[in-house]
Structure formats: structure tokens, C-alpha cells
């Protein structure tokens, strides 16, 4: 409900399209992490300033993240 004379605060939202994890990307992220997990940061570096500057940034993973066999 809008009240006369009040201003509505604005927020900036940024959304990417679906991010799809292919085997080569996962392997590259594992190599980037040096054997201690996965590091996707280098792959997302070009959009990081845009996403990080927003009040709400969403990068939607298209691929489900679950343990093997589940």
C-alpha cells in the first residue's frame, strides 16, 4: 500500500540466465581450485562486478546439485 507523500525505496536486482554445468567446466573449476574443491570464480569474473553491485544478484544453476546417485 502506498501512502501519500512517502517515497518507496528502490532496490537493484540482477539476474543471469541459467548456468549449466558441463563436464569440461566442472573439470576446469576443479583444476582452478588445485584439488581442494571447485573454483568457478575465474569463469564468472567478467560478470562479477555487475552481479556484486546489485542489492540482489541471482545466478540460477540449471543443473541440480546433489550427491552422486541422488
PDB file of N, CA and C in Angstrom:
ATOM      1  N   UNK A   1       0.841  -1.180   0.000  1.00  0.00           N
ATOM      2  CA  UNK A   1       0.000   0.000   0.000  1.00  0.00           C
ATOM      3  C   UNK A   1       0.884   1.241   0.000  1.00  0.00           C
ATOM      4  N   UNK A   2       0.629   2.152  -0.891  1.00  0.00           N
ATOM      5  CA  UNK A   2       1.400   3.393  -0.971  1.00  0.00           C
ATOM      6  C   UNK A   2       0.701   4.479  -0.163  1.00  0.00           C
ATOM      7  N   UNK A   3       1.475   5.176   0.659  1.00  0.00           N
ATOM      8  CA  UNK A   3       0.938   6.249   1.494  1.00  0.00           C
ATOM      9  C   UNK A   3       1.330   7.584   0.869  1.00  0.00           C
ATOM     10  N   UNK A   4       0.379   8.489   0.745  1.00  0.00           N
ATOM     11  CA  UNK A   4       0.598   9.808   0.147  1.00  0.00           C
ATOM     12  C   UNK A   4       1.801  10.504   0.773  1.00  0.00           C
ATOM     13  N   UNK A   5       2.726  10.971  -0.077  1.00  0.00           N
ATOM     14  CA  UNK A   5       3.880  11.711   0.402  1.00  0.00           C
ATOM     15  C   UNK A   5       5.093  10.863   0.745  1.00  0.00           C
ATOM     16  N   UNK A   6       4.941   9.568   0.862  1.00  0.00           N
ATOM     17  CA  UNK A   6       6.074   8.699   1.169  1.00  0.00           C
ATOM     18  C   UNK A   6       6.722   8.232  -0.123  1.00  0.00           C
ATOM     19  N   UNK A   7       8.016   8.055  -0.061  1.00  0.00           N
ATOM     20  CA  UNK A   7       8.717   7.510  -1.225  1.00  0.00           C
ATOM     21  C   UNK A   7       8.989   6.035  -0.980  1.00  0.00           C
ATOM     22  N   UNK A   8       8.962   5.298  -2.034  1.00  0.00           N
ATOM     23  CA  UNK A   8       9.234   3.867  -1.949  1.00  0.00           C
ATOM     24  C   UNK A   8      10.717   3.649  -2.217  1.00  0.00           C
ATOM     25  N   UNK A   9      11.426   2.998  -1.304  1.00  0.00           N
ATOM     26  CA  UNK A   9      12.846   2.733  -1.563  1.00  0.00           C
ATOM     27  C   UNK A   9      13.002   1.794  -2.762  1.00  0.00           C
ATOM     28  N   UNK A  10      14.045   2.010  -3.519  1.00  0.00           N
ATOM     29  CA  UNK A  10      14.302   1.169  -4.689  1.00  0.00           C
ATOM     30  C   UNK A  10      15.442   0.207  -4.387  1.00  0.00           C
ATOM     31  N   UNK A  11      15.372  -0.959  -4.982  1.00  0.00           N
ATOM     32  CA  UNK A  11      16.478  -1.907  -4.924  1.00  0.00           C
ATOM     33  C   UNK A  11      16.828  -2.288  -6.353  1.00  0.00           C
ATOM     34  N   UNK A  12      18.087  -2.632  -6.550  1.00  0.00           N
ATOM     35  CA  UNK A  12      18.530  -3.068  -7.865  1.00  0.00           C
ATOM     36  C   UNK A  12      18.689  -4.579  -7.845  1.00  0.00           C
ATOM     37  N   UNK A  13      18.042  -5.231  -8.798  1.00  0.00           N
ATOM     38  CA  UNK A  13      18.130  -6.683  -8.912  1.00  0.00           C
ATOM     39  C   UNK A  13      18.744  -7.034 -10.262  1.00  0.00           C
ATOM     40  N   UNK A  14      19.641  -8.031 -10.252  1.00  0.00           N
ATOM     41  CA  UNK A  14      20.291  -8.501 -11.471  1.00  0.00           C
ATOM     42  C   UNK A  14      20.150 -10.016 -11.513  1.00  0.00           C
ATOM     43  N   UNK A  15      19.748 -10.523 -12.666  1.00  0.00           N
ATOM     44  CA  UNK A  15      19.581 -11.964 -12.850  1.00  0.00           C
ATOM     45  C   UNK A  15      20.339 -12.414 -14.088  1.00  0.00           C
ATOM     46  N   UNK A  16      20.990 -13.554 -13.997  1.00  0.00           N
ATOM     47  CA  UNK A  16      21.591 -14.144 -15.184  1.00  0.00           C
ATOM     48  C   UNK A  16      20.615 -15.176 -15.729  1.00  0.00           C
ATOM     49  N   UNK A  17      20.904 -15.675 -16.893  1.00  0.00           N
ATOM     50  CA  UNK A  17      20.155 -16.815 -17.390  1.00  0.00           C
ATOM     51  C   UNK A  17      20.631 -18.063 -16.656  1.00  0.00           C
ATOM     52  N   UNK A  18      20.119 -19.199 -17.043  1.00  0.00           N
ATOM     53  CA  UNK A  18      20.535 -20.446 -16.410  1.00  0.00           C
ATOM     54  C   UNK A  18      22.030 -20.673 -16.618  1.00  0.00           C
ATOM     55  N   UNK A  19      22.703 -21.094 -15.566  1.00  0.00           N
ATOM     56  CA  UNK A  19      24.089 -21.529 -15.688  1.00  0.00           C
ATOM     57  C   UNK A  19      24.069 -23.048 -15.729  1.00  0.00           C
ATOM     58  N   UNK A  20      24.669 -23.610 -16.742  1.00  0.00           N
ATOM     59  CA  UNK A  20      24.622 -25.058 -16.957  1.00  0.00           C
ATOM     60  C   UNK A  20      26.017 -25.631 -16.787  1.00  0.00           C
ATOM     61  N   UNK A  21      26.170 -26.559 -15.879  1.00  0.00           N
ATOM     62  CA  UNK A  21      27.466 -27.166 -15.596  1.00  0.00           C
ATOM     63  C   UNK A  21      27.712 -28.356 -16.521  1.00  0.00           C
ATOM     64  N   UNK A  22      28.621 -28.175 -17.470  1.00  0.00           N
ATOM     65  CA  UNK A  22      29.068 -29.262 -18.335  1.00  0.00           C
ATOM     66  C   UNK A  22      30.340 -29.853 -17.736  1.00  0.00           C
ATOM     67  N   UNK A  23      30.619 -31.089 -18.055  1.00  0.00           N
ATOM     68  CA  UNK A  23      31.800 -31.773 -17.519  1.00  0.00           C
ATOM     69  C   UNK A  23      33.093 -30.983 -17.702  1.00  0.00           C
ATOM     70  N   UNK A  24      33.348 -30.382 -18.877  1.00  0.00           N
ATOM     71  CA  UNK A  24      34.591 -29.609 -19.017  1.00  0.00           C
ATOM     72  C   UNK A  24      34.657 -28.407 -18.069  1.00  0.00           C
ATOM     73  N   UNK A  25      33.524 -27.764 -17.813  1.00  0.00           N
ATOM     74  CA  UNK A  25      33.504 -26.627 -16.882  1.00  0.00           C
ATOM     75  C   UNK A  25      33.783 -27.071 -15.456  1.00  0.00           C
ATOM     76  N   UNK A  26      33.205 -28.194 -15.068  1.00  0.00           N
ATOM     77  CA  UNK A  26      33.435 -28.725 -13.719  1.00  0.00           C
ATOM     78  C   UNK A  26      34.899 -29.127 -13.571  1.00  0.00           C
ATOM     79  N   UNK A  27      35.462 -29.754 -14.603  1.00  0.00           N
ATOM     80  CA  UNK A  27      36.875 -30.140 -14.554  1.00  0.00           C
ATOM     81  C   UNK A  27      37.777 -28.907 -14.458  1.00  0.00           C
ATOM     82  N   UNK A  28      37.432 -27.841 -15.187  1.00  0.00           N
ATOM     83  CA  UNK A  28      38.220 -26.604 -15.133  1.00  0.00           C
ATOM     84  C   UNK A  28      38.128 -25.981 -13.742  1.00  0.00           C
ATOM     85  N   UNK A  29      36.949 -25.988 -13.145  1.00  0.00           N
ATOM     86  CA  UNK A  29      36.765 -25.441 -11.801  1.00  0.00           C
ATOM     87  C   UNK A  29      37.544 -26.248 -10.770  1.00  0.00           C
ATOM     88  N   UNK A  30      37.602 -27.562 -10.953  1.00  0.00           N
ATOM     89  CA  UNK A  30      38.393 -28.403 -10.046  1.00  0.00           C
ATOM     90  C   UNK A  30      39.871 -28.070 -10.189  1.00  0.00           C
ATOM     91  N   UNK A  31      40.331 -27.880 -11.427  1.00  0.00           N
ATOM     92  CA  UNK A  31      41.731 -27.512 -11.646  1.00  0.00           C
ATOM     93  C   UNK A  31      42.024 -26.131 -11.064  1.00  0.00           C
ATOM     94  N   UNK A  32      41.095 -25.205 -11.210  1.00  0.00           N
ATOM     95  CA  UNK A  32      41.263 -23.863 -10.641  1.00  0.00           C
ATOM     96  C   UNK A  32      41.427 -23.910  -9.123  1.00  0.00           C
ATOM     97  N   UNK A  33      40.775 -24.872  -8.484  1.00  0.00           N
ATOM     98  CA  UNK A  33      40.822 -24.987  -7.025  1.00  0.00           C
ATOM     99  C   UNK A  33      42.059 -25.735  -6.545  1.00  0.00           C
ATOM    100  N   UNK A  34      42.821 -26.317  -7.460  1.00  0.00           N
ATOM    101  CA  UNK A  34      44.051 -27.002  -7.072  1.00  0.00           C
ATOM    102  C   UNK A  34      43.837 -28.231  -6.213  1.00  0.00           C
ATOM    103  N   UNK A  35      42.741 -28.929  -6.447  1.00  0.00           N
ATOM    104  CA  UNK A  35      42.497 -30.173  -5.707  1.00  0.00           C
ATOM    105  C   UNK A  35      41.788 -29.986  -4.379  1.00  0.00           C
ATOM    106  N   UNK A  36      41.268 -28.796  -4.114  1.00  0.00           N
ATOM    107  CA  UNK A  36      40.565 -28.558  -2.839  1.00  0.00           C
ATOM    108  C   UNK A  36      39.143 -28.070  -3.082  1.00  0.00           C
ATOM    109  N   UNK A  37      38.420 -28.739  -3.950  1.00  0.00           N
ATOM    110  CA  UNK A  37      37.037 -28.357  -4.245  1.00  0.00           C
ATOM    111  C   UNK A  37      36.917 -27.823  -5.652  1.00  0.00           C
ATOM    112  N   UNK A  38      36.130 -26.763  -5.814  1.00  0.00           N
ATOM    113  CA  UNK A  38      35.860 -26.182  -7.123  1.00  0.00           C
ATOM    114  C   UNK A  38      35.940 -24.661  -7.026  1.00  0.00           C
ATOM    115  N   UNK A  39      36.520 -24.037  -8.024  1.00  0.00           N
ATOM    116  CA  UNK A  39      36.614 -22.582  -8.069  1.00  0.00           C
ATOM    117  C   UNK A  39      36.090 -22.102  -9.417  1.00  0.00           C
ATOM    118  N   UNK A  40      34.856 -21.615  -9.420  1.00  0.00           N
ATOM    119  CA  UNK A  40      34.229 -21.104 -10.638  1.00  0.00           C
ATOM    120  C   UNK A  40      34.459 -19.606 -10.821  1.00  0.00           C
ATOM    121  N   UNK A  41      35.104 -18.958  -9.847  1.00  0.00           N
ATOM    122  CA  UNK A  41      35.280 -17.502  -9.880  1.00  0.00           C
ATOM    123  C   UNK A  41      35.927 -16.995 -11.168  1.00  0.00           C
ATOM    124  N   UNK A  42      37.001 -17.628 -11.679  1.00  0.00           N
ATOM    125  CA  UNK A  42      37.584 -17.109 -12.921  1.00  0.00           C
ATOM    126  C   UNK A  42      36.608 -17.116 -14.100  1.00  0.00           C
ATOM    127  N   UNK A  43      35.700 -18.090 -14.125  1.00  0.00           N
ATOM    128  CA  UNK A  43      34.739 -18.175 -15.217  1.00  0.00           C
ATOM    129  C   UNK A  43      33.666 -17.104 -15.123  1.00  0.00           C
ATOM    130  N   UNK A  44      33.421 -16.631 -13.910  1.00  0.00           N
ATOM    131  CA  UNK A  44      32.374 -15.633 -13.694  1.00  0.00           C
ATOM    132  C   UNK A  44      32.941 -14.229 -13.475  1.00  0.00           C
ATOM    133  N   UNK A  45      34.244 -14.075 -13.631  1.00  0.00           N
ATOM    134  CA  UNK A  45      34.912 -12.803 -13.318  1.00  0.00           C
ATOM    135  C   UNK A  45      34.358 -11.628 -14.116  1.00  0.00           C
ATOM    136  N   UNK A  46      33.996 -11.840 -15.355  1.00  0.00           N
ATOM    137  CA  UNK A  46      33.517 -10.724 -16.181  1.00  0.00           C
ATOM    138  C   UNK A  46      32.162 -10.195 -15.713  1.00  0.00           C
ATOM    139  N   UNK A  47      31.321 -11.047 -15.133  1.00  0.00           N
ATOM    140  CA  UNK A  47      30.018 -10.573 -14.673  1.00  0.00           C
ATOM    141  C   UNK A  47      29.989 -10.274 -13.178  1.00  0.00           C
ATOM    142  N   UNK A  48      31.062 -10.630 -12.455  1.00  0.00           N
ATOM    143  CA  UNK A  48      31.094 -10.414 -11.009  1.00  0.00           C
ATOM    144  C   UNK A  48      30.840  -8.964 -10.603  1.00  0.00           C
ATOM    145  N   UNK A  49      31.426  -7.956 -11.269  1.00  0.00           N
ATOM    146  CA  UNK A  49      31.146  -6.571 -10.864  1.00  0.00           C
ATOM    147  C   UNK A  49      29.672  -6.189 -11.034  1.00  0.00           C
ATOM    148  N   UNK A  50      29.051  -6.667 -12.085  1.00  0.00           N
ATOM    149  CA  UNK A  50      27.644  -6.369 -12.325  1.00  0.00           C
ATOM    150  C   UNK A  50      26.757  -7.016 -11.260  1.00  0.00           C
ATOM    151  N   UNK A  51      26.982  -8.306 -11.016  1.00  0.00           N
ATOM    152  CA  UNK A  51      26.181  -9.021 -10.029  1.00  0.00           C
ATOM    153  C   UNK A  51      26.459  -8.473  -8.623  1.00  0.00           C
ATOM    154  N   UNK A  52      27.722  -8.224  -8.322  1.00  0.00           N
ATOM    155  CA  UNK A  52      28.101  -7.762  -6.993  1.00  0.00           C
ATOM    156  C   UNK A  52      27.623  -6.371  -6.652  1.00  0.00           C
ATOM    157  N   UNK A  53      27.381  -5.531  -7.658  1.00  0.00           N
ATOM    158  CA  UNK A  53      26.933  -4.164  -7.413  1.00  0.00           C
ATOM    159  C   UNK A  53      25.442  -4.085  -7.102  1.00  0.00           C
ATOM    160  N   UNK A  54      24.704  -5.124  -7.425  1.00  0.00           N
ATOM    161  CA  UNK A  54      23.256  -5.110  -7.201  1.00  0.00           C
ATOM    162  C   UNK A  54      22.926  -5.397  -5.737  1.00  0.00           C
ATOM    163  N   UNK A  55      21.748  -4.964  -5.334  1.00  0.00           N
ATOM    164  CA  UNK A  55      21.269  -5.300  -3.994  1.00  0.00           C
ATOM    165  C   UNK A  55      20.920  -6.788  -3.904  1.00  0.00           C
ATOM    166  N   UNK A  56      20.438  -7.328  -5.005  1.00  0.00           N
ATOM    167  CA  UNK A  56      20.110  -8.751  -5.088  1.00  0.00           C
ATOM    168  C   UNK A  56      20.606  -9.260  -6.427  1.00  0.00           C
ATOM    169  N   UNK A  57      21.504 -10.231  -6.407  1.00  0.00           N
ATOM    170  CA  UNK A  57      22.020 -10.834  -7.627  1.00  0.00           C
ATOM    171  C   UNK A  57      21.742 -12.324  -7.615  1.00  0.00           C
ATOM    172  N   UNK A  58      21.220 -12.845  -8.714  1.00  0.00           N
ATOM    173  CA  UNK A  58      20.862 -14.257  -8.786  1.00  0.00           C
ATOM    174  C   UNK A  58      21.483 -14.883 -10.034  1.00  0.00           C
ATOM    175  N   UNK A  59      22.252 -15.923  -9.837  1.00  0.00           N
ATOM    176  CA  UNK A  59      22.769 -16.752 -10.926  1.00  0.00           C
ATOM    177  C   UNK A  59      22.136 -18.127 -10.736  1.00  0.00           C
ATOM    178  N   UNK A  60      21.180 -18.435 -11.551  1.00  0.00           N
ATOM    179  CA  UNK A  60      20.379 -19.644 -11.393  1.00  0.00           C
ATOM    180  C   UNK A  60      21.088 -20.852 -11.992  1.00  0.00           C
ATOM    181  N   UNK A  61      21.428 -21.865 -11.162  1.00  0.00           N
ATOM    182  CA  UNK A  61      22.024 -23.079 -11.725  1.00  0.00           C
ATOM    183  C   UNK A  61      20.941 -23.969 -12.327  1.00  0.00           C
ATOM    184  N   UNK A  62      21.048 -24.259 -13.616  1.00  0.00           N
ATOM    185  CA  UNK A  62      20.073 -25.130 -14.274  1.00  0.00           C
ATOM    186  C   UNK A  62      20.242 -26.576 -13.836  1.00  0.00           C
ATOM    187  N   UNK A  63      21.473 -26.961 -13.527  1.00  0.00           N
ATOM    188  CA  UNK A  63      21.776 -28.338 -13.160  1.00  0.00           C
ATOM    189  C   UNK A  63      21.548 -28.555 -11.669  1.00  0.00           C
ATOM    190  N   UNK A  64      20.806 -29.597 -11.281  1.00  0.00           N
ATOM    191  CA  UNK A  64      20.647 -29.881  -9.845  1.00  0.00           C
ATOM    192  C   UNK A  64      21.995 -30.205  -9.199  1.00  0.00           C
ATOM    193  N   UNK A  65      22.156 -29.768  -7.980  1.00  0.00           N
ATOM    194  CA  UNK A  65      23.365 -30.054  -7.220  1.00  0.00           C
ATOM    195  C   UNK A  65      22.981 -31.067  -6.143  1.00  0.00           C
ATOM    196  N   UNK A  66      23.519 -32.269  -6.263  1.00  0.00           N
ATOM    197  CA  UNK A  66      23.181 -33.337  -5.329  1.00  0.00           C
ATOM    198  C   UNK A  66      24.324 -34.340  -5.268  1.00  0.00           C
ATOM    199  N   UNK A  67      24.403 -35.074  -4.183  1.00  0.00           N
ATOM    200  CA  UNK A  67      25.424 -36.125  -4.093  1.00  0.00           C
ATOM    201  C   UNK A  67      25.213 -37.185  -5.178  1.00  0.00           C
ATOM    202  N   UNK A  68      26.265 -37.889  -5.589  1.00  0.00           N
ATOM    203  CA  UNK A  68      26.128 -38.928  -6.610  1.00  0.00           C
ATOM    204  C   UNK A  68      25.047 -39.948  -6.237  1.00  0.00           C
ATOM    205  N   UNK A  69      24.230 -40.285  -7.205  1.00  0.00           N
ATOM    206  CA  UNK A  69      23.195 -41.293  -7.002  1.00  0.00           C
ATOM    207  C   UNK A  69      21.907 -40.768  -6.427  1.00  0.00           C
ATOM    208  N   UNK A  70      21.830 -39.493  -6.158  1.00  0.00           N
ATOM    209  CA  UNK A  70      20.594 -38.922  -5.597  1.00  0.00           C
ATOM    210  C   UNK A  70      19.946 -37.970  -6.548  1.00  0.00           C
TER     211      UNK A  70
END
